[in-house]
Amino acid sequence: MRLRCLHWLPPLLILLITCACGFALTRYGPLGFDVWLLFWFRDHADTGKMAGPTWVTQFWLTLTWLGNTLPRIVVGLFAVVGLMVLRRRQDALFLSGVLLSGLALSTTLKYLINRPRPQWVPQLDDVTTMGFPSGHALNSTLFYLTVAITFAPLLHSQGARWALYILVICLFLATGVSRIALGVHYPTDVIAGWVIAGAWAWLWIAVARQSETR
């Protein structure tokens, strides 16, 4: 029993430590690099504008769209249906459980930690919820990572599997960075989203493997 607990204890500790950091940031304010990075993406003469060419703002808005709920739901439904067609019901249930629980986790943590979004620069995307953790970073990481973990074993080529994982990493990193560039999240919000997503996926995998060995 102790050995089994060791599989899910590390991700659980990571979740608790990250949440504790969120409460500390809410109480004591942002870190130095939190503010510095927000300004790094902006025009020094006018912080309401992105640094660089005029198309840069649309570029970041397009990347942040990849982490929106609608595209994730559409692709997630196709993924679940595809797994069902392939008669991989357990994988379909696993994917559904991870993604739905991730949405609930993100919403709950935002409510409990209640960290305000940054006001140092004008926000270039419409937001209504609290800041910690970044829901885009958390849910896009959890979504793309879980889809990759589920579908990678179906690819016969090792090169194709590596390509899938590299694509997934690029997608969720770009989505997270876009939230900082648009001024709607502190970098620590985004980093926390990545960490929590990884720990949550790890926890689900540990529980799934434990149930298979029973």
Protein backbone atom coordinates (compact mmCIF):
# COMPACT_ATOMS: atom_id res chain seq x y z
CA MET A 1 0.00 0.00 0.00
CA ARG A 2 2.86 2.40 0.84
CA LEU A 3 4.45 1.83 -2.58
CA ARG A 4 1.15 2.57 -4.28
CA CYS A 5 0.77 5.82 -2.33
CA LEU A 6 4.21 6.93 -3.49
CA HIS A 7 2.90 7.09 -7.07
CA TRP A 8 0.33 9.80 -6.37
CA LEU A 9 1.97 11.53 -3.42
CA PRO A 10 4.55 13.59 -5.41
CA PRO A 11 2.00 15.21 -7.78
CA LEU A 12 -0.29 15.91 -4.83
CA LEU A 13 2.53 17.65 -2.98
CA ILE A 14 3.35 19.70 -6.10
CA LEU A 15 -0.29 20.80 -6.29
CA LEU A 16 -0.36 21.82 -2.63
CA ILE A 17 2.95 23.71 -2.82
CA THR A 18 1.88 25.57 -5.98
CA CYS A 19 -1.43 26.56 -4.39
CA ALA A 20 0.42 27.77 -1.30
CA CYS A 21 2.58 29.95 -3.55
CA GLY A 22 -0.61 31.34 -5.10
CA PHE A 23 -1.96 32.37 -1.70
CA ALA A 24 1.39 34.00 -0.86
CA LEU A 25 1.42 35.96 -4.14
CA THR A 26 -2.14 37.11 -3.52
CA ARG A 27 -1.23 38.41 -0.08
CA TYR A 28 2.23 39.88 -0.69
CA GLY A 29 1.97 40.99 -4.32
CA PRO A 30 3.75 40.08 -7.57
CA LEU A 31 7.41 39.16 -7.89
CA GLY A 32 9.86 41.45 -9.63
CA PHE A 33 10.00 39.48 -12.87
CA ASP A 34 6.18 39.37 -12.94
CA VAL A 35 6.04 43.09 -13.62
CA TRP A 36 9.20 43.25 -15.73
CA LEU A 37 7.90 40.69 -18.24
CA LEU A 38 4.56 42.47 -18.59
CA PHE A 39 6.36 45.63 -19.69
CA TRP A 40 8.84 43.70 -21.84
CA PHE A 41 6.12 42.90 -24.38
CA ARG A 42 4.93 46.52 -24.61
CA ASP A 43 5.93 49.63 -26.51
CA HIS A 44 7.94 51.74 -24.07
CA ALA A 45 6.35 54.94 -25.37
CA ASP A 46 2.79 53.58 -25.11
CA THR A 47 2.17 50.55 -22.88
CA GLY A 48 -1.27 50.15 -24.43
CA LYS A 49 0.45 48.86 -27.58
CA MET A 50 2.54 45.75 -28.18
CA ALA A 51 6.21 46.21 -29.02
CA GLY A 52 7.03 45.49 -32.65
CA PRO A 53 4.94 45.52 -35.85
CA THR A 54 1.19 46.13 -35.81
CA TRP A 55 0.40 42.47 -36.54
CA VAL A 56 2.01 41.29 -33.29
CA THR A 57 -1.15 41.89 -31.26
CA GLN A 58 -3.22 39.73 -33.61
CA PHE A 59 -0.50 37.09 -33.51
CA TRP A 60 -0.79 36.78 -29.72
CA LEU A 61 -4.59 36.87 -29.86
CA THR A 62 -4.53 33.98 -32.34
CA LEU A 63 -2.22 31.97 -30.09
CA THR A 64 -4.37 32.63 -27.03
CA TRP A 65 -7.41 31.42 -29.00
CA LEU A 66 -5.81 27.95 -29.02
CA GLY A 67 -6.40 27.85 -25.27
CA ASN A 68 -10.02 28.99 -25.41
CA THR A 69 -12.74 26.62 -24.23
CA LEU A 70 -14.55 26.23 -27.58
CA PRO A 71 -11.65 24.87 -29.68
CA ARG A 72 -10.65 22.55 -26.85
CA ILE A 73 -14.18 21.18 -26.58
CA VAL A 74 -14.46 20.63 -30.34
CA VAL A 75 -11.10 18.85 -30.63
CA GLY A 76 -11.75 16.96 -27.39
CA LEU A 77 -15.07 15.64 -28.68
CA PHE A 78 -13.43 14.45 -31.89
CA ALA A 79 -10.69 12.78 -29.84
CA VAL A 80 -13.18 10.99 -27.57
CA VAL A 81 -15.31 9.87 -30.52
CA GLY A 82 -12.20 8.66 -32.31
CA LEU A 83 -11.16 6.60 -29.31
CA MET A 84 -14.63 5.10 -29.05
CA VAL A 85 -14.53 4.16 -32.75
CA LEU A 86 -11.18 2.49 -32.13
CA ARG A 87 -12.82 0.64 -29.21
CA ARG A 88 -10.52 2.21 -26.67
CA ARG A 89 -13.24 3.01 -24.15
CA GLN A 90 -10.91 3.22 -21.17
CA ASP A 91 -8.75 5.78 -22.96
CA ALA A 92 -11.88 7.76 -23.89
CA LEU A 93 -13.03 7.75 -20.26
CA PHE A 94 -9.55 8.72 -19.09
CA LEU A 95 -9.36 11.63 -21.53
CA SER A 96 -12.85 12.85 -20.62
CA GLY A 97 -12.17 12.58 -16.91
CA VAL A 98 -8.88 14.47 -17.06
CA LEU A 99 -10.26 17.32 -19.18
CA LEU A 100 -13.51 17.81 -17.26
CA SER A 101 -11.79 17.62 -13.89
CA GLY A 102 -9.18 20.11 -15.13
CA LEU A 103 -11.89 22.66 -15.87
CA ALA A 104 -13.38 22.16 -12.41
CA LEU A 105 -9.95 22.38 -10.78
CA SER A 106 -9.05 25.60 -12.59
CA THR A 107 -12.34 27.27 -11.67
CA THR A 108 -12.11 26.17 -8.03
CA LEU A 109 -8.53 27.36 -7.55
CA LYS A 110 -9.28 30.75 -9.11
CA TYR A 111 -12.15 31.18 -6.67
CA LEU A 112 -10.22 30.03 -3.59
CA ILE A 113 -6.93 31.83 -4.24
CA ASN A 114 -8.66 34.96 -5.60
CA ARG A 115 -5.57 36.66 -7.02
CA PRO A 116 -6.37 39.83 -9.01
CA ARG A 117 -5.18 40.09 -12.58
CA PRO A 118 -2.35 42.52 -13.37
CA GLN A 119 -3.21 46.20 -13.74
CA TRP A 120 0.29 47.39 -14.64
CA VAL A 121 -0.45 47.44 -18.38
CA PRO A 122 -3.72 47.64 -20.34
CA GLN A 123 -5.27 44.22 -20.91
CA LEU A 124 -5.64 43.34 -24.58
CA ASP A 125 -8.10 40.47 -24.13
CA ASP A 126 -11.50 40.32 -22.44
CA VAL A 127 -11.34 38.57 -19.04
CA THR A 128 -13.81 38.25 -16.16
CA THR A 129 -12.34 35.70 -13.74
CA MET A 130 -9.49 35.95 -11.23
CA GLY A 131 -5.88 35.39 -12.21
CA PHE A 132 -4.28 32.43 -10.39
CA PRO A 133 -3.71 30.02 -11.99
CA SER A 134 -3.98 30.90 -15.66
CA GLY A 135 -6.92 28.86 -16.95
CA HIS A 136 -5.58 29.04 -20.50
CA ALA A 137 -2.17 27.72 -19.43
CA LEU A 138 -3.61 25.04 -17.17
CA ASN A 139 -6.35 23.73 -19.43
CA SER A 140 -4.47 23.96 -22.72
CA THR A 141 -1.49 22.14 -21.19
CA LEU A 142 -3.74 19.49 -19.67
CA PHE A 143 -5.70 19.15 -22.89
CA TYR A 144 -2.84 18.91 -25.39
CA LEU A 145 -0.68 16.81 -23.07
CA THR A 146 -3.43 14.29 -22.34
CA VAL A 147 -4.38 13.98 -25.99
CA ALA A 148 -0.72 13.31 -26.83
CA ILE A 149 -0.35 10.74 -24.05
CA THR A 150 -3.52 8.99 -25.22
CA PHE A 151 -2.82 8.95 -28.96
CA ALA A 152 0.98 8.59 -29.04
CA PRO A 153 0.88 4.81 -28.40
CA LEU A 154 -1.30 4.44 -31.50
CA LEU A 155 1.48 5.84 -33.71
CA HIS A 156 3.82 3.15 -35.02
CA SER A 157 6.71 5.49 -35.80
CA GLN A 158 8.85 6.75 -32.96
CA GLY A 159 9.57 9.86 -35.01
CA ALA A 160 5.83 10.56 -35.29
CA ARG A 161 5.45 10.20 -31.52
CA TRP A 162 8.30 12.64 -30.90
CA ALA A 163 6.81 15.07 -33.41
CA LEU A 164 3.46 14.89 -31.61
CA TYR A 165 5.00 15.63 -28.23
CA ILE A 166 7.10 18.50 -29.60
CA LEU A 167 4.01 20.01 -31.25
CA VAL A 168 2.06 19.70 -27.99
CA ILE A 169 4.81 21.36 -25.96
CA CYS A 170 5.04 24.24 -28.44
CA LEU A 171 1.26 24.73 -28.37
CA PHE A 172 0.81 24.96 -24.63
CA LEU A 173 3.95 27.05 -24.12
CA ALA A 174 2.83 29.50 -26.81
CA THR A 175 -0.66 29.69 -25.33
CA GLY A 176 0.71 30.48 -21.88
CA VAL A 177 3.14 33.12 -23.12
CA SER A 178 0.33 34.79 -25.06
CA ARG A 179 -1.51 35.45 -21.78
CA ILE A 180 1.49 37.35 -20.45
CA ALA A 181 1.95 39.25 -23.71
CA LEU A 182 -1.69 40.34 -23.68
CA GLY A 183 -1.33 41.58 -20.10
CA VAL A 184 -4.09 39.41 -18.62
CA HIS A 185 -1.83 37.24 -16.44
CA TYR A 186 1.31 37.56 -14.41
CA PRO A 187 4.07 35.14 -15.48
CA THR A 188 3.65 33.34 -12.14
CA ASP A 189 -0.02 32.72 -13.00
CA VAL A 190 1.05 31.04 -16.22
CA ILE A 191 3.89 29.05 -14.66
CA ALA A 192 1.48 27.83 -11.99
CA GLY A 193 -0.96 26.76 -14.72
CA TRP A 194 1.74 24.70 -16.42
CA VAL A 195 2.89 23.11 -13.14
CA ILE A 196 -0.62 22.31 -11.91
CA ALA A 197 -1.56 20.80 -15.27
CA GLY A 198 1.49 18.56 -15.25
CA ALA A 199 0.86 17.48 -11.67
CA TRP A 200 -2.85 16.86 -12.35
CA ALA A 201 -2.06 14.71 -15.40
CA TRP A 202 0.59 12.85 -13.36
CA LEU A 203 -1.95 12.23 -10.59
CA TRP A 204 -4.54 10.87 -13.02
CA ILE A 205 -1.99 8.58 -14.68
CA ALA A 206 -0.83 7.28 -11.27
CA VAL A 207 -4.41 6.55 -10.19
CA ALA A 208 -5.20 4.89 -13.54
CA ARG A 209 -2.16 2.64 -13.34
CA GLN A 210 -2.96 1.73 -9.74
CA SER A 211 -6.49 0.73 -10.70
CA GLU A 212 -5.15 -1.45 -13.55
CA THR A 213 -2.94 -3.43 -11.14
CA ARG A 214 -5.81 -4.33 -8.82
